[in-house]
């Protein structure tokens, strides 16, 4: 489910999302479409900052800034 434009930034912080394609940050860390991420912040005009969940094997995670709304799918809350 894509993120509707009617959702305000404050409503999206803390929500779980998945990328629609491979995304990489400036440091070279990348995430794939099966990675569950959390929206950390929303900056109007600059997109979302997301944080991936820790890898169960190595414990690494990634922060990726300036991610566009169209590049993320919202995971429904239960």
N, C-alpha and C. Protein backbone atom coordinates (compact mmCIF):
# COMPACT_ATOMS: atom_id res chain seq x y z
N UNK A 1 0.85 -1.17 0.00
CA UNK A 1 0.00 0.00 0.00
C UNK A 1 0.89 1.24 0.00
N UNK A 2 0.80 2.04 -1.02
CA UNK A 2 1.59 3.27 -1.10
C UNK A 2 1.13 4.26 -0.04
N UNK A 3 1.98 5.24 0.25
CA UNK A 3 1.65 6.22 1.28
C UNK A 3 0.75 7.30 0.66
N UNK A 4 -0.50 7.40 1.11
CA UNK A 4 -1.40 8.42 0.56
C UNK A 4 -0.92 9.82 0.90
N UNK A 5 -1.16 10.77 0.00
CA UNK A 5 -0.75 12.15 0.22
C UNK A 5 -1.58 12.83 1.31
N UNK A 6 -2.69 12.23 1.68
CA UNK A 6 -3.53 12.82 2.73
C UNK A 6 -2.95 12.63 4.12
N UNK A 7 -1.97 11.72 4.28
CA UNK A 7 -1.34 11.50 5.58
C UNK A 7 -0.39 12.65 5.89
N UNK A 8 -0.48 13.22 7.07
CA UNK A 8 0.40 14.29 7.49
C UNK A 8 1.71 13.70 8.01
N UNK A 9 2.78 14.49 7.98
CA UNK A 9 4.08 14.03 8.43
C UNK A 9 4.08 13.52 9.85
N UNK A 10 3.39 14.22 10.76
CA UNK A 10 3.35 13.80 12.16
C UNK A 10 2.66 12.45 12.33
N UNK A 11 1.72 12.13 11.44
CA UNK A 11 1.01 10.85 11.51
C UNK A 11 1.87 9.69 11.03
N UNK A 12 2.91 9.98 10.26
CA UNK A 12 3.73 8.93 9.67
C UNK A 12 4.96 8.58 10.49
N UNK A 13 5.40 9.45 11.38
CA UNK A 13 6.59 9.17 12.18
C UNK A 13 6.33 7.95 13.06
N UNK A 14 7.24 6.99 12.99
CA UNK A 14 7.11 5.75 13.75
C UNK A 14 6.42 4.62 13.00
N UNK A 15 5.85 4.91 11.83
CA UNK A 15 5.16 3.87 11.04
C UNK A 15 6.17 3.01 10.31
N UNK A 16 5.80 1.76 10.07
CA UNK A 16 6.65 0.80 9.36
C UNK A 16 6.38 0.88 7.87
N UNK A 17 7.46 0.82 7.08
CA UNK A 17 7.38 0.88 5.62
C UNK A 17 8.35 -0.11 5.01
N UNK A 18 8.16 -0.36 3.71
CA UNK A 18 9.10 -1.15 2.91
C UNK A 18 9.42 -0.35 1.66
N UNK A 19 10.68 -0.36 1.23
CA UNK A 19 11.01 0.33 -0.03
C UNK A 19 10.44 -0.43 -1.23
N UNK A 20 10.12 0.28 -2.29
CA UNK A 20 9.60 -0.35 -3.50
C UNK A 20 10.72 -0.87 -4.39
N UNK A 21 11.96 -0.41 -4.16
CA UNK A 21 13.12 -0.84 -4.93
C UNK A 21 14.36 -0.66 -4.06
N UNK A 22 15.51 -1.11 -4.52
CA UNK A 22 16.75 -0.95 -3.75
C UNK A 22 17.04 0.54 -3.56
N UNK A 23 17.41 0.90 -2.32
CA UNK A 23 17.74 2.29 -1.98
C UNK A 23 19.09 2.29 -1.28
N UNK A 24 19.90 3.32 -1.56
CA UNK A 24 21.23 3.42 -0.96
C UNK A 24 21.44 4.81 -0.40
N UNK A 25 22.13 4.91 0.75
CA UNK A 25 22.43 6.23 1.30
C UNK A 25 23.79 6.71 0.81
N UNK A 26 24.20 7.90 1.21
CA UNK A 26 25.46 8.47 0.75
C UNK A 26 26.69 7.72 1.22
N UNK A 27 26.56 6.98 2.32
CA UNK A 27 27.67 6.22 2.85
C UNK A 27 27.84 4.87 2.19
N UNK A 28 26.92 4.51 1.31
CA UNK A 28 27.03 3.26 0.58
C UNK A 28 26.20 2.12 1.16
N UNK A 29 25.54 2.33 2.30
CA UNK A 29 24.68 1.28 2.87
C UNK A 29 23.41 1.20 2.05
N UNK A 30 22.99 0.01 1.72
CA UNK A 30 21.80 -0.17 0.91
C UNK A 30 20.80 -1.09 1.56
N UNK A 31 19.54 -0.94 1.16
CA UNK A 31 18.48 -1.82 1.64
C UNK A 31 17.68 -2.30 0.43
N UNK A 32 17.11 -3.49 0.58
CA UNK A 32 16.33 -4.10 -0.50
C UNK A 32 14.84 -3.97 -0.20
N UNK A 33 13.98 -4.29 -1.16
CA UNK A 33 12.54 -4.14 -0.97
C UNK A 33 11.93 -5.02 0.12
N UNK A 34 12.62 -6.05 0.58
CA UNK A 34 12.05 -6.89 1.63
C UNK A 34 12.46 -6.43 3.03
N UNK A 35 13.15 -5.28 3.13
CA UNK A 35 13.59 -4.74 4.41
C UNK A 35 12.48 -3.92 5.05
N UNK A 36 12.20 -4.18 6.32
CA UNK A 36 11.23 -3.40 7.07
C UNK A 36 11.96 -2.22 7.69
N UNK A 37 11.42 -1.03 7.48
CA UNK A 37 12.03 0.21 7.98
C UNK A 37 11.01 0.99 8.79
N UNK A 38 11.52 1.94 9.57
CA UNK A 38 10.68 2.82 10.36
C UNK A 38 10.93 4.26 9.91
N UNK A 39 9.86 5.04 9.77
CA UNK A 39 10.01 6.45 9.43
C UNK A 39 10.44 7.19 10.69
N UNK A 40 11.61 7.85 10.61
CA UNK A 40 12.19 8.55 11.75
C UNK A 40 11.78 10.01 11.75
N UNK A 41 11.81 10.63 10.57
CA UNK A 41 11.43 12.04 10.47
C UNK A 41 10.90 12.34 9.08
N UNK A 42 10.18 13.45 9.01
CA UNK A 42 9.63 13.93 7.74
C UNK A 42 10.00 15.40 7.62
N UNK A 43 10.69 15.75 6.53
CA UNK A 43 11.07 17.13 6.29
C UNK A 43 10.37 17.58 5.02
N UNK A 44 9.51 18.57 5.17
CA UNK A 44 8.73 19.04 4.03
C UNK A 44 9.64 19.52 2.91
N UNK A 45 9.42 18.98 1.73
CA UNK A 45 10.21 19.35 0.57
C UNK A 45 11.47 18.51 0.40
N UNK A 46 11.83 17.71 1.41
CA UNK A 46 13.04 16.89 1.32
C UNK A 46 12.77 15.41 1.53
N UNK A 47 11.56 15.04 1.86
CA UNK A 47 11.21 13.63 1.98
C UNK A 47 11.37 13.06 3.38
N UNK A 48 11.46 11.74 3.43
CA UNK A 48 11.49 11.00 4.69
C UNK A 48 12.91 10.59 5.04
N UNK A 49 13.16 10.44 6.33
CA UNK A 49 14.36 9.76 6.81
C UNK A 49 13.88 8.45 7.40
N UNK A 50 14.45 7.34 6.93
CA UNK A 50 14.03 6.03 7.41
C UNK A 50 15.21 5.31 8.05
N UNK A 51 14.89 4.40 8.95
CA UNK A 51 15.90 3.57 9.61
C UNK A 51 15.52 2.12 9.41
N UNK A 52 16.46 1.33 8.91
CA UNK A 52 16.17 -0.09 8.71
C UNK A 52 16.28 -0.82 10.04
N UNK A 53 15.66 -2.00 10.12
CA UNK A 53 15.80 -2.82 11.31
C UNK A 53 17.18 -3.45 11.32
N UNK A 54 17.65 -3.81 12.50
CA UNK A 54 18.98 -4.42 12.62
C UNK A 54 19.01 -5.78 11.95
N UNK A 55 20.13 -6.07 11.31
CA UNK A 55 20.35 -7.38 10.70
C UNK A 55 20.52 -8.40 11.82
N UNK A 56 19.80 -9.52 11.78
CA UNK A 56 19.93 -10.51 12.85
C UNK A 56 21.30 -11.17 12.89
N UNK A 57 22.03 -11.15 11.79
CA UNK A 57 23.35 -11.80 11.74
C UNK A 57 24.46 -10.89 12.27
N UNK A 58 24.51 -9.66 11.76
CA UNK A 58 25.65 -8.79 12.07
C UNK A 58 25.28 -7.58 12.93
N UNK A 59 24.01 -7.28 13.06
CA UNK A 59 23.58 -6.18 13.90
C UNK A 59 23.65 -4.81 13.25
N UNK A 60 23.98 -4.73 11.96
CA UNK A 60 24.06 -3.43 11.29
C UNK A 60 22.67 -2.95 10.87
N UNK A 61 22.54 -1.64 10.79
CA UNK A 61 21.31 -1.01 10.29
C UNK A 61 21.71 0.23 9.52
N UNK A 62 20.76 0.83 8.82
CA UNK A 62 21.07 1.99 7.98
C UNK A 62 20.04 3.09 8.18
N UNK A 63 20.51 4.32 8.17
CA UNK A 63 19.65 5.50 8.10
C UNK A 63 19.74 6.01 6.67
N UNK A 64 18.60 6.30 6.08
CA UNK A 64 18.58 6.83 4.72
C UNK A 64 17.66 8.05 4.71
N UNK A 65 18.21 9.18 4.27
CA UNK A 65 17.47 10.44 4.25
C UNK A 65 17.03 10.77 2.83
N UNK A 66 16.11 11.70 2.72
CA UNK A 66 15.59 12.21 1.44
C UNK A 66 14.97 11.11 0.58
N UNK A 67 14.21 10.24 1.23
CA UNK A 67 13.50 9.19 0.51
C UNK A 67 12.13 9.74 0.13
N UNK A 68 11.75 9.58 -1.12
CA UNK A 68 10.47 10.10 -1.61
C UNK A 68 9.32 9.19 -1.21
N UNK A 69 8.16 9.78 -1.07
CA UNK A 69 6.94 9.06 -0.71
C UNK A 69 6.64 7.93 -1.68
N UNK A 70 6.94 8.13 -2.95
CA UNK A 70 6.65 7.12 -3.97
C UNK A 70 7.57 5.92 -3.87
N UNK A 71 8.68 6.05 -3.15
CA UNK A 71 9.66 4.96 -3.03
C UNK A 71 9.36 4.03 -1.86
N UNK A 72 8.27 4.30 -1.13
CA UNK A 72 7.95 3.51 0.05
C UNK A 72 6.53 2.96 -0.01
N UNK A 73 6.35 1.77 0.53
CA UNK A 73 5.02 1.19 0.72
C UNK A 73 4.75 1.11 2.21
N UNK A 74 3.59 1.61 2.61
CA UNK A 74 3.20 1.60 4.01
C UNK A 74 2.76 0.20 4.42
N UNK A 75 3.26 -0.29 5.55
CA UNK A 75 2.82 -1.59 6.06
C UNK A 75 1.63 -1.33 6.95
N UNK A 76 0.49 -2.00 6.69
CA UNK A 76 -0.71 -1.75 7.50
C UNK A 76 -0.51 -2.13 8.96
N UNK A 77 -1.04 -1.29 9.85
CA UNK A 77 -0.99 -1.59 11.29
C UNK A 77 -2.09 -2.57 11.62
N UNK A 78 -1.79 -3.46 12.53
CA UNK A 78 -2.81 -4.45 12.94
C UNK A 78 -3.48 -4.03 14.20
